[in-house]
Every structure is written in structure tokens, then in C-alpha cells.
């Protein structure tokens, strides 16, 4: 999964693709676990908001 995200981060022109990938991977993994443990319908929208913030920070 990390390789796919890293490749996409490179296409975006991210200022630091490796850091962006680390943050996005952590959010995604946390979302998977949270969804399994809690079953909360809020998990995906929260993860999406956080990923959008990461992208905004690294891609101008």
C-alpha cells in the first residue's frame, strides 16, 4: 500500500512525499483498526478530513 501512496504523492508534487506517505499511511491504518473496533460511522469521514489536511500541508 505504501508504494502506491508514495507514487501518487510523487505525482502531486508534494514538498516531502515520504513524510506525506508516512502520515497518510498512519491515518489509514488507524482508520482500519478504529472501524473494526468501534464500528463507528464517523471513522471514514474523520480519516478523510485528516488526509485532506495532510495533502493541503504538503501540496500547494
Protein backbone atom coordinates (compact mmCIF):
# COMPACT_ATOMS: atom_id res chain seq x y z
CA UNK A 1 0.00 0.00 0.00
CA UNK A 2 2.82 2.40 0.88
CA UNK A 3 4.34 2.13 -2.61
CA UNK A 4 1.07 3.11 -4.24
CA UNK A 5 0.65 6.10 -1.95
CA UNK A 6 4.30 7.08 -2.44
CA UNK A 7 3.87 7.00 -6.21
CA UNK A 8 0.71 9.11 -6.01
CA UNK A 9 2.42 11.56 -3.65
CA UNK A 10 5.18 11.98 -6.20
CA UNK A 11 2.65 12.81 -8.91
CA UNK A 12 1.12 15.54 -6.76
CA UNK A 13 4.40 17.40 -6.47
CA UNK A 14 4.37 17.06 -2.68
CA UNK A 15 7.12 19.02 -0.96
CA UNK A 16 8.10 15.90 1.05
CA UNK A 17 6.46 12.82 -0.46
CA UNK A 18 7.99 10.41 2.08
CA UNK A 19 6.64 12.36 5.06
CA UNK A 20 3.26 12.71 3.39
CA UNK A 21 3.13 8.94 2.83
CA UNK A 22 4.04 8.20 6.46
CA UNK A 23 1.26 10.45 7.74
CA UNK A 24 -1.35 9.18 5.30
CA UNK A 25 -0.43 5.54 5.99
CA UNK A 26 -0.77 6.07 9.73
CA UNK A 27 -4.18 7.68 9.25
CA UNK A 28 -5.36 4.85 7.00
CA UNK A 29 -4.12 2.10 9.33
CA UNK A 30 -5.68 3.86 12.30
CA UNK A 31 -8.96 4.19 10.44
CA UNK A 32 -8.99 0.46 9.60
CA UNK A 33 -8.42 -0.50 13.22
CA UNK A 34 -10.85 2.06 14.60
CA UNK A 35 -13.58 0.93 12.21
CA UNK A 36 -13.08 -2.71 13.22
CA UNK A 37 -13.01 -1.98 16.94
CA UNK A 38 -15.76 0.62 17.22
CA UNK A 39 -17.86 0.18 14.07
CA UNK A 40 -18.39 3.94 14.19
CA UNK A 41 -19.81 5.51 11.03
CA UNK A 42 -17.71 8.59 11.84
CA UNK A 43 -14.40 6.82 11.18
CA UNK A 44 -14.21 7.33 7.41
CA UNK A 45 -15.27 11.00 7.45
CA UNK A 46 -12.72 11.77 10.17
CA UNK A 47 -9.95 9.95 8.29
CA UNK A 48 -10.90 11.76 5.08
CA UNK A 49 -10.71 15.14 6.81
CA UNK A 50 -7.28 14.32 8.25
CA UNK A 51 -5.94 13.11 4.89
CA UNK A 52 -7.21 16.30 3.25
CA UNK A 53 -5.29 18.31 5.86
CA UNK A 54 -2.11 16.31 5.20
CA UNK A 55 -2.43 16.80 1.45
CA UNK A 56 -3.03 20.54 1.90
CA UNK A 57 0.12 20.78 4.05
CA UNK A 58 2.40 19.07 1.51
CA UNK A 59 0.86 20.09 -1.82
CA UNK A 60 0.45 23.74 -2.68
